[in-house]
C-alpha atoms as a PDB file:
ATOM      1  CA  UNK A   1     113.209  65.077 109.236  1.00  0.00           C
ATOM      2  CA  UNK A   2     112.774  61.422 107.881  1.00  0.00           C
ATOM      3  CA  UNK A   3     109.984  59.208 107.782  1.00  0.00           C
ATOM      4  CA  UNK A   4     110.276  55.667 108.529  1.00  0.00           C
ATOM      5  CA  UNK A   5     108.395  52.370 107.796  1.00  0.00           C
ATOM      6  CA  UNK A   6     108.182  49.549 110.235  1.00  0.00           C
ATOM      7  CA  UNK A   7     105.868  47.788 112.354  1.00  0.00           C
ATOM      8  CA  UNK A   8     104.648  48.109 116.145  1.00  0.00           C
ATOM      9  CA  UNK A   9     107.679  46.962 118.646  1.00  0.00           C
ATOM     10  CA  UNK A  10     110.268  46.699 115.788  1.00  0.00           C
ATOM     11  CA  UNK A  11     113.292  49.504 116.279  1.00  0.00           C
ATOM     12  CA  UNK A  12     114.976  48.705 112.833  1.00  0.00           C
ATOM     13  CA  UNK A  13     113.557  50.191 109.731  1.00  0.00           C
ATOM     14  CA  UNK A  14     112.370  48.386 106.290  1.00  0.00           C
ATOM     15  CA  UNK A  15     111.899  51.378 104.581  1.00  0.00           C
ATOM     16  CA  UNK A  16     112.419  55.205 104.737  1.00  0.00           C
ATOM     17  CA  UNK A  17     112.921  58.438 103.321  1.00  0.00           C
ATOM     18  CA  UNK A  18     114.759  61.606 104.238  1.00  0.00           C
ATOM     19  CA  UNK A  19     112.776  64.816 102.823  1.00  0.00           C
ATOM     20  CA  UNK A  20     113.962  65.935  99.873  1.00  0.00           C
ATOM     21  CA  UNK A  21     117.121  63.661  99.950  1.00  0.00           C
ATOM     22  CA  UNK A  22     116.767  60.079  99.254  1.00  0.00           C
ATOM     23  CA  UNK A  23     114.415  57.077  99.968  1.00  0.00           C
ATOM     24  CA  UNK A  24     115.867  53.436 100.954  1.00  0.00           C
ATOM     25  CA  UNK A  25     114.165  50.209 101.274  1.00  0.00           C
ATOM     26  CA  UNK A  26     115.443  46.765 102.091  1.00  0.00           C
ATOM     27  CA  UNK A  27     114.454  43.153 100.633  1.00  0.00           C
ATOM     28  CA  UNK A  28     115.626  40.040 102.064  1.00  0.00           C
ATOM     29  CA  UNK A  29     118.251  38.315 100.011  1.00  0.00           C
ATOM     30  CA  UNK A  30     118.681  34.423 100.141  1.00  0.00           C
ATOM     31  CA  UNK A  31     120.217  33.413 103.409  1.00  0.00           C
ATOM     32  CA  UNK A  32     124.186  32.173 103.106  1.00  0.00           C
ATOM     33  CA  UNK A  33     125.460  29.624 105.218  1.00  0.00           C
ATOM     34  CA  UNK A  34     127.841  31.516 107.298  1.00  0.00           C
ATOM     35  CA  UNK A  35     126.760  33.334 110.289  1.00  0.00           C
ATOM     36  CA  UNK A  36     130.137  34.234 111.767  1.00  0.00           C
ATOM     37  CA  UNK A  37     129.583  38.191 110.902  1.00  0.00           C
ATOM     38  CA  UNK A  38     126.706  38.610 113.133  1.00  0.00           C
ATOM     39  CA  UNK A  39     128.598  39.716 115.946  1.00  0.00           C
ATOM     40  CA  UNK A  40     130.661  42.324 114.327  1.00  0.00           C
ATOM     41  CA  UNK A  41     128.265  43.818 111.815  1.00  0.00           C
ATOM     42  CA  UNK A  42     124.768  45.256 111.750  1.00  0.00           C
ATOM     43  CA  UNK A  43     121.805  43.733 110.811  1.00  0.00           C
ATOM     44  CA  UNK A  44     120.358  45.399 107.548  1.00  0.00           C
ATOM     45  CA  UNK A  45     116.963  46.986 109.604  1.00  0.00           C
ATOM     46  CA  UNK A  46     119.514  48.621 112.087  1.00  0.00           C
ATOM     47  CA  UNK A  47     121.721  49.717 109.345  1.00  0.00           C
ATOM     48  CA  UNK A  48     118.669  51.282 107.481  1.00  0.00           C
ATOM     49  CA  UNK A  49     117.790  53.202 110.648  1.00  0.00           C
ATOM     50  CA  UNK A  50     121.321  54.183 111.323  1.00  0.00           C
ATOM     51  CA  UNK A  51     121.650  55.673 107.509  1.00  0.00           C
ATOM     52  CA  UNK A  52     118.302  57.139 108.271  1.00  0.00           C
ATOM     53  CA  UNK A  53     119.415  58.848 111.408  1.00  0.00           C
ATOM     54  CA  UNK A  54     122.939  59.646 110.242  1.00  0.00           C
ATOM     55  CA  UNK A  55     123.327  60.307 105.999  1.00  0.00           C
ATOM     56  CA  UNK A  56     123.061  63.833 104.878  1.00  0.00           C
ATOM     57  CA  UNK A  57     122.650  62.993 101.187  1.00  0.00           C
ATOM     58  CA  UNK A  58     122.366  60.519  98.746  1.00  0.00           C
ATOM     59  CA  UNK A  59     126.117  59.672  98.529  1.00  0.00           C
ATOM     60  CA  UNK A  60     126.213  59.456 102.062  1.00  0.00           C
ATOM     61  CA  UNK A  61     123.685  56.871 102.287  1.00  0.00           C
ATOM     62  CA  UNK A  62     124.932  54.923  99.417  1.00  0.00           C
ATOM     63  CA  UNK A  63     128.474  55.057 101.049  1.00  0.00           C
ATOM     64  CA  UNK A  64     127.010  53.674 104.549  1.00  0.00           C
ATOM     65  CA  UNK A  65     124.932  50.703 102.675  1.00  0.00           C
ATOM     66  CA  UNK A  66     127.569  49.970 100.481  1.00  0.00           C
ATOM     67  CA  UNK A  67     130.630  49.620 103.232  1.00  0.00           C
ATOM     68  CA  UNK A  68     128.815  48.842 106.787  1.00  0.00           C
ATOM     69  CA  UNK A  69     129.550  45.565 107.401  1.00  0.00           C
ATOM     70  CA  UNK A  70     125.953  43.162 107.748  1.00  0.00           C
ATOM     71  CA  UNK A  71     125.325  40.369 109.414  1.00  0.00           C
ATOM     72  CA  UNK A  72     123.307  38.715 106.428  1.00  0.00           C
ATOM     73  CA  UNK A  73     122.710  38.900 102.874  1.00  0.00           C
ATOM     74  CA  UNK A  74     120.140  41.854 101.770  1.00  0.00           C
ATOM     75  CA  UNK A  75     119.229  44.337  98.861  1.00  0.00           C
ATOM     76  CA  UNK A  76     118.976  47.992  99.606  1.00  0.00           C
ATOM     77  CA  UNK A  77     117.260  50.150  97.090  1.00  0.00           C
ATOM     78  CA  UNK A  78     118.247  53.627  97.277  1.00  0.00           C
ATOM     79  CA  UNK A  79     116.600  56.436  95.388  1.00  0.00           C
ATOM     80  CA  UNK A  80     117.874  60.275  95.397  1.00  0.00           C
ATOM     81  CA  UNK A  81     115.957  63.467  94.514  1.00  0.00           C
ATOM     82  CA  UNK A  82     117.961  64.080  91.451  1.00  0.00           C
ATOM     83  CA  UNK A  83     117.694  62.350  88.195  1.00  0.00           C
ATOM     84  CA  UNK A  84     120.009  59.316  87.524  1.00  0.00           C
ATOM     85  CA  UNK A  85     120.038  58.765  91.649  1.00  0.00           C
ATOM     86  CA  UNK A  86     118.914  55.342  91.851  1.00  0.00           C
ATOM     87  CA  UNK A  87     120.462  52.015  92.449  1.00  0.00           C
ATOM     88  CA  UNK A  88     120.485  48.519  94.191  1.00  0.00           C
ATOM     89  CA  UNK A  89     123.071  47.490  96.342  1.00  0.00           C
ATOM     90  CA  UNK A  90     123.307  43.848  96.543  1.00  0.00           C
ATOM     91  CA  UNK A  91     125.118  42.846  99.909  1.00  0.00           C
ATOM     92  CA  UNK A  92     126.966  40.145 101.123  1.00  0.00           C
ATOM     93  CA  UNK A  93     128.563  39.720 104.840  1.00  0.00           C
ATOM     94  CA  UNK A  94     131.864  40.983 103.012  1.00  0.00           C
ATOM     95  CA  UNK A  95     131.104  42.165  99.360  1.00  0.00           C
ATOM     96  CA  UNK A  96     128.507  44.737  98.027  1.00  0.00           C
ATOM     97  CA  UNK A  97     127.923  45.333  94.352  1.00  0.00           C
ATOM     98  CA  UNK A  98     125.886  48.434  93.103  1.00  0.00           C
ATOM     99  CA  UNK A  99     123.536  48.256  90.125  1.00  0.00           C
ATOM    100  CA  UNK A 100     122.719  51.905  88.735  1.00  0.00           C
ATOM    101  CA  UNK A 101     119.512  52.980  87.166  1.00  0.00           C
ATOM    102  CA  UNK A 102     119.581  52.198  83.289  1.00  0.00           C
ATOM    103  CA  UNK A 103     118.200  53.927  80.322  1.00  0.00           C
ATOM    104  CA  UNK A 104     114.764  52.063  80.714  1.00  0.00           C
ATOM    105  CA  UNK A 105     114.060  54.630  83.928  1.00  0.00           C
ATOM    106  CA  UNK A 106     113.264  52.173  86.674  1.00  0.00           C
ATOM    107  CA  UNK A 107     115.172  49.872  88.643  1.00  0.00           C
ATOM    108  CA  UNK A 108     113.684  46.760  89.775  1.00  0.00           C
ATOM    109  CA  UNK A 109     114.671  44.202  92.861  1.00  0.00           C
ATOM    110  CA  UNK A 110     112.627  41.261  94.323  1.00  0.00           C
ATOM    111  CA  UNK A 111     114.524  38.501  96.427  1.00  0.00           C
ATOM    112  CA  UNK A 112     117.148  37.099  94.246  1.00  0.00           C
ATOM    113  CA  UNK A 113     120.952  38.044  93.153  1.00  0.00           C
ATOM    114  CA  UNK A 114     121.549  39.366  89.752  1.00  0.00           C
ATOM    115  CA  UNK A 115     124.746  40.357  89.724  1.00  0.00           C
ATOM    116  CA  UNK A 116     127.131  38.025  87.961  1.00  0.00           C
ATOM    117  CA  UNK A 117     129.231  37.592  90.839  1.00  0.00           C
ATOM    118  CA  UNK A 118     126.715  36.823  93.383  1.00  0.00           C
ATOM    119  CA  UNK A 119     124.333  34.589  91.347  1.00  0.00           C
ATOM    120  CA  UNK A 120     125.670  31.387  92.781  1.00  0.00           C
ATOM    121  CA  UNK A 121     124.059  32.599  96.152  1.00  0.00           C
ATOM    122  CA  UNK A 122     121.002  31.857  94.858  1.00  0.00           C
ATOM    123  CA  UNK A 123     121.790  27.955  94.833  1.00  0.00           C
ATOM    124  CA  UNK A 124     119.864  25.899  97.093  1.00  0.00           C
ATOM    125  CA  UNK A 125     116.922  28.433  97.253  1.00  0.00           C
ATOM    126  CA  UNK A 126     115.184  27.084  94.230  1.00  0.00           C
ATOM    127  CA  UNK A 127     111.898  25.899  96.227  1.00  0.00           C
ATOM    128  CA  UNK A 128     108.915  25.718  94.008  1.00  0.00           C
ATOM    129  CA  UNK A 129     107.141  28.187  96.279  1.00  0.00           C
ATOM    130  CA  UNK A 130     106.843  32.041  97.280  1.00  0.00           C
ATOM    131  CA  UNK A 131     110.326  32.289  98.545  1.00  0.00           C
ATOM    132  CA  UNK A 132     112.029  30.630  95.955  1.00  0.00           C
ATOM    133  CA  UNK A 133     114.396  32.325  93.451  1.00  0.00           C
ATOM    134  CA  UNK A 134     112.084  31.085  90.340  1.00  0.00           C
ATOM    135  CA  UNK A 135     109.081  32.892  92.199  1.00  0.00           C
ATOM    136  CA  UNK A 136     111.612  36.079  92.719  1.00  0.00           C
ATOM    137  CA  UNK A 137     112.348  36.089  88.798  1.00  0.00           C
ATOM    138  CA  UNK A 138     108.528  35.456  88.122  1.00  0.00           C
ATOM    139  CA  UNK A 139     107.910  38.882  90.536  1.00  0.00           C
ATOM    140  CA  UNK A 140     110.563  40.705  88.669  1.00  0.00           C
ATOM    141  CA  UNK A 141     109.527  39.833  84.998  1.00  0.00           C
ATOM    142  CA  UNK A 142     105.695  40.640  86.001  1.00  0.00           C
ATOM    143  CA  UNK A 143     107.184  44.406  87.553  1.00  0.00           C
ATOM    144  CA  UNK A 144     109.206  44.877  84.585  1.00  0.00           C
ATOM    145  CA  UNK A 145     106.015  44.238  81.907  1.00  0.00           C
ATOM    146  CA  UNK A 146     103.754  46.240  84.377  1.00  0.00           C
ATOM    147  CA  UNK A 147     106.421  49.292  84.451  1.00  0.00           C
ATOM    148  CA  UNK A 148     106.856  49.332  80.841  1.00  0.00           C
ATOM    149  CA  UNK A 149     102.925  50.438  80.337  1.00  0.00           C
ATOM    150  CA  UNK A 150     103.535  53.320  82.507  1.00  0.00           C
ATOM    151  CA  UNK A 151     104.247  56.737  81.254  1.00  0.00           C
ATOM    152  CA  UNK A 152     108.066  58.474  81.992  1.00  0.00           C
ATOM    153  CA  UNK A 153     107.105  59.782  85.498  1.00  0.00           C
ATOM    154  CA  UNK A 154     103.894  57.788  87.087  1.00  0.00           C
ATOM    155  CA  UNK A 155     102.021  59.200  89.518  1.00  0.00           C
ATOM    156  CA  UNK A 156     101.497  57.304  93.140  1.00  0.00           C
ATOM    157  CA  UNK A 157      98.214  55.619  91.962  1.00  0.00           C
ATOM    158  CA  UNK A 158      99.826  54.438  88.618  1.00  0.00           C
ATOM    159  CA  UNK A 159     102.722  52.941  91.224  1.00  0.00           C
ATOM    160  CA  UNK A 160      99.955  51.145  93.307  1.00  0.00           C
ATOM    161  CA  UNK A 161      98.518  49.656  89.948  1.00  0.00           C
ATOM    162  CA  UNK A 162     102.032  47.952  89.441  1.00  0.00           C
ATOM    163  CA  UNK A 163     102.081  46.934  93.104  1.00  0.00           C
ATOM    164  CA  UNK A 164      98.874  44.666  93.015  1.00  0.00           C
ATOM    165  CA  UNK A 165      99.624  42.968  90.038  1.00  0.00           C
ATOM    166  CA  UNK A 166      99.171  39.439  90.794  1.00  0.00           C
ATOM    167  CA  UNK A 167     102.291  37.364  91.971  1.00  0.00           C
ATOM    168  CA  UNK A 168     103.669  41.135  93.144  1.00  0.00           C
ATOM    169  CA  UNK A 169     101.456  41.131  95.746  1.00  0.00           C
ATOM    170  CA  UNK A 170     100.803  37.733  97.332  1.00  0.00           C
ATOM    171  CA  UNK A 171     100.023  36.361 100.604  1.00  0.00           C
ATOM    172  CA  UNK A 172     102.693  37.601 102.188  1.00  0.00           C
ATOM    173  CA  UNK A 173     102.890  41.015 101.077  1.00  0.00           C
ATOM    174  CA  UNK A 174     102.195  42.983 104.405  1.00  0.00           C
ATOM    175  CA  UNK A 175     102.727  46.535 103.321  1.00  0.00           C
ATOM    176  CA  UNK A 176     103.363  48.316  99.974  1.00  0.00           C
ATOM    177  CA  UNK A 177     104.896  51.635  99.847  1.00  0.00           C
ATOM    178  CA  UNK A 178     105.705  54.582  97.614  1.00  0.00           C
ATOM    179  CA  UNK A 179     108.192  56.761  98.316  1.00  0.00           C
ATOM    180  CA  UNK A 180     109.348  60.207  96.135  1.00  0.00           C
ATOM    181  CA  UNK A 181     112.426  61.890  97.827  1.00  0.00           C
ATOM    182  CA  UNK A 182     112.201  64.652  95.218  1.00  0.00           C
ATOM    183  CA  UNK A 183     108.608  65.603  96.180  1.00  0.00           C
ATOM    184  CA  UNK A 184     108.780  64.283  99.643  1.00  0.00           C
ATOM    185  CA  UNK A 185     105.612  62.474  99.523  1.00  0.00           C
ATOM    186  CA  UNK A 186     104.857  58.836 100.051  1.00  0.00           C
ATOM    187  CA  UNK A 187     102.110  56.641  99.983  1.00  0.00           C
ATOM    188  CA  UNK A 188     101.552  53.352 102.157  1.00  0.00           C
ATOM    189  CA  UNK A 189      99.036  50.544 102.195  1.00  0.00           C
ATOM    190  CA  UNK A 190      99.221  47.553 104.318  1.00  0.00           C
ATOM    191  CA  UNK A 191      97.283  44.621 104.382  1.00  0.00           C
ATOM    192  CA  UNK A 192      94.127  44.550 106.431  1.00  0.00           C
END
């Protein structure tokens, strides 16, 4: 049994949770210049949906997200139901790098590459607008600051307060969610 977040008419998934096992979400990455893999790979929303349909554990989900060929760069955030089960998987069409949760107790991913071997992919995406790398880094900084003020295990409403911090929530924010696979609970907010 799982829940999935998308929008009407959309057959893939943007986020989802397999109750008691794991939750996952995607963030769009700066685009690459190569689209040769589009025919022989999965689009990220379809891969996310495939993982919800087929993975039986956090480990299964990680294996599928990290190793299934994707049609474009993407960031997957994966959280399990056990302590220490949280990671960000930065993907290109051919490569992946996994960053596991650190000692701070939170893991943040916005819309820029952070892994040393992938940061060159941010080049050419420095527009001074909401879609650029600099704005993505600003959102990351605001999230880090807001999360550092929370107690160790925040409740859903405290998480919501972090999501509405200016710059984190912006004119392109359509939906926000907090997923807790351990408790099999979630909250979803959409722009009205």
